[in-house]
Amino acid sequence: MDPSQAAPDFEQVIEAGYSAVLSAHVTLTPDLQYIRHPGGCAERGEVIAFLLRLKASY
């Protein structure tokens, strides 16, 4: 490990998701993530990510 770089800290992830069936063929899945110290680096702060998945099958 390079002593000039900060030592790895930790990464904390909190996630909330839901799956909504809109019809017999369509599902909508929203997902919210809060990431503290992304990549294990305390200097990077925090990230909030929102994902939205739409699945259609025929």
C-alpha atoms as a PDB file:
ATOM      1  CA  MET A   1       0.000   0.000   0.000  1.00  0.00           C
ATOM      2  CA  ASP A   2       1.253   3.460  -0.901  1.00  0.00           C
ATOM      3  CA  PRO A   3       1.745   5.494   2.324  1.00  0.00           C
ATOM      4  CA  SER A   4       0.919   8.727   0.476  1.00  0.00           C
ATOM      5  CA  GLN A   5      -2.669   7.532  -0.084  1.00  0.00           C
ATOM      6  CA  ALA A   6      -5.355   7.412   2.587  1.00  0.00           C
ATOM      7  CA  ALA A   7      -5.953   4.033   4.190  1.00  0.00           C
ATOM      8  CA  PRO A   8      -9.191   2.308   3.172  1.00  0.00           C
ATOM      9  CA  ASP A   9     -12.023   3.078   5.550  1.00  0.00           C
ATOM     10  CA  PHE A  10     -15.385   1.405   4.949  1.00  0.00           C
ATOM     11  CA  GLU A  11     -18.327   1.562   2.585  1.00  0.00           C
ATOM     12  CA  GLN A  12     -21.895   1.626   3.910  1.00  0.00           C
ATOM     13  CA  VAL A  13     -24.908   1.065   1.655  1.00  0.00           C
ATOM     14  CA  ILE A  14     -28.565   1.488   2.572  1.00  0.00           C
ATOM     15  CA  GLU A  15     -31.017   0.428  -0.114  1.00  0.00           C
ATOM     16  CA  ALA A  16     -34.792   0.568  -0.493  1.00  0.00           C
ATOM     17  CA  GLY A  17     -36.611  -1.006  -3.399  1.00  0.00           C
ATOM     18  CA  TYR A  18     -40.089  -1.980  -4.472  1.00  0.00           C
ATOM     19  CA  SER A  19     -41.539  -3.983  -7.331  1.00  0.00           C
ATOM     20  CA  ALA A  20     -44.909  -2.910  -8.758  1.00  0.00           C
ATOM     21  CA  VAL A  21     -46.740  -5.148 -11.188  1.00  0.00           C
ATOM     22  CA  LEU A  22     -48.483  -2.775 -13.593  1.00  0.00           C
ATOM     23  CA  SER A  23     -50.039  -5.481 -15.764  1.00  0.00           C
ATOM     24  CA  ALA A  24     -49.577  -9.167 -16.557  1.00  0.00           C
ATOM     25  CA  HIS A  25     -46.584  -8.246 -18.737  1.00  0.00           C
ATOM     26  CA  VAL A  26     -45.118  -5.058 -17.206  1.00  0.00           C
ATOM     27  CA  THR A  27     -43.217  -4.624 -13.919  1.00  0.00           C
ATOM     28  CA  LEU A  28     -41.811  -1.322 -12.607  1.00  0.00           C
ATOM     29  CA  THR A  29     -39.046  -1.463  -9.980  1.00  0.00           C
ATOM     30  CA  PRO A  30     -37.791   1.774  -8.360  1.00  0.00           C
ATOM     31  CA  ASP A  31     -34.649   1.509  -6.212  1.00  0.00           C
ATOM     32  CA  LEU A  32     -33.052   4.157  -3.975  1.00  0.00           C
ATOM     33  CA  GLN A  33     -29.493   3.752  -2.647  1.00  0.00           C
ATOM     34  CA  TYR A  34     -27.549   5.813  -0.115  1.00  0.00           C
ATOM     35  CA  ILE A  35     -23.815   5.098  -0.206  1.00  0.00           C
ATOM     36  CA  ARG A  36     -21.519   6.471   2.492  1.00  0.00           C
ATOM     37  CA  HIS A  37     -17.769   6.460   1.785  1.00  0.00           C
ATOM     38  CA  PRO A  38     -18.041   4.991  -1.749  1.00  0.00           C
ATOM     39  CA  GLY A  39     -15.142   2.699  -2.555  1.00  0.00           C
ATOM     40  CA  GLY A  40     -14.118   2.628   1.102  1.00  0.00           C
ATOM     41  CA  CYS A  41     -12.740   6.169   1.069  1.00  0.00           C
ATOM     42  CA  ALA A  42     -13.979   8.582   3.747  1.00  0.00           C
ATOM     43  CA  GLU A  43     -12.785  11.563   1.679  1.00  0.00           C
ATOM     44  CA  ARG A  44     -15.374  10.847  -1.040  1.00  0.00           C
ATOM     45  CA  GLY A  45     -18.334  11.672   1.189  1.00  0.00           C
ATOM     46  CA  GLU A  46     -21.686  10.214   0.189  1.00  0.00           C
ATOM     47  CA  VAL A  47     -23.746   9.373  -2.905  1.00  0.00           C
ATOM     48  CA  ILE A  48     -27.485   9.041  -3.475  1.00  0.00           C
ATOM     49  CA  ALA A  49     -28.501   6.940  -6.474  1.00  0.00           C
ATOM     50  CA  PHE A  50     -31.982   6.393  -7.898  1.00  0.00           C
ATOM     51  CA  LEU A  51     -32.619   3.583 -10.360  1.00  0.00           C
ATOM     52  CA  LEU A  52     -35.796   2.815 -12.230  1.00  0.00           C
ATOM     53  CA  ARG A  53     -36.235  -0.510 -14.011  1.00  0.00           C
ATOM     54  CA  LEU A  54     -39.054  -1.284 -16.411  1.00  0.00           C
ATOM     55  CA  LYS A  55     -39.460  -4.910 -17.418  1.00  0.00           C
ATOM     56  CA  ALA A  56     -41.809  -5.899 -20.217  1.00  0.00           C
ATOM     57  CA  SER A  57     -42.328  -9.484 -21.331  1.00  0.00           C
ATOM     58  CA  TYR A  58     -44.578 -10.770 -24.077  1.00  0.00           C
END
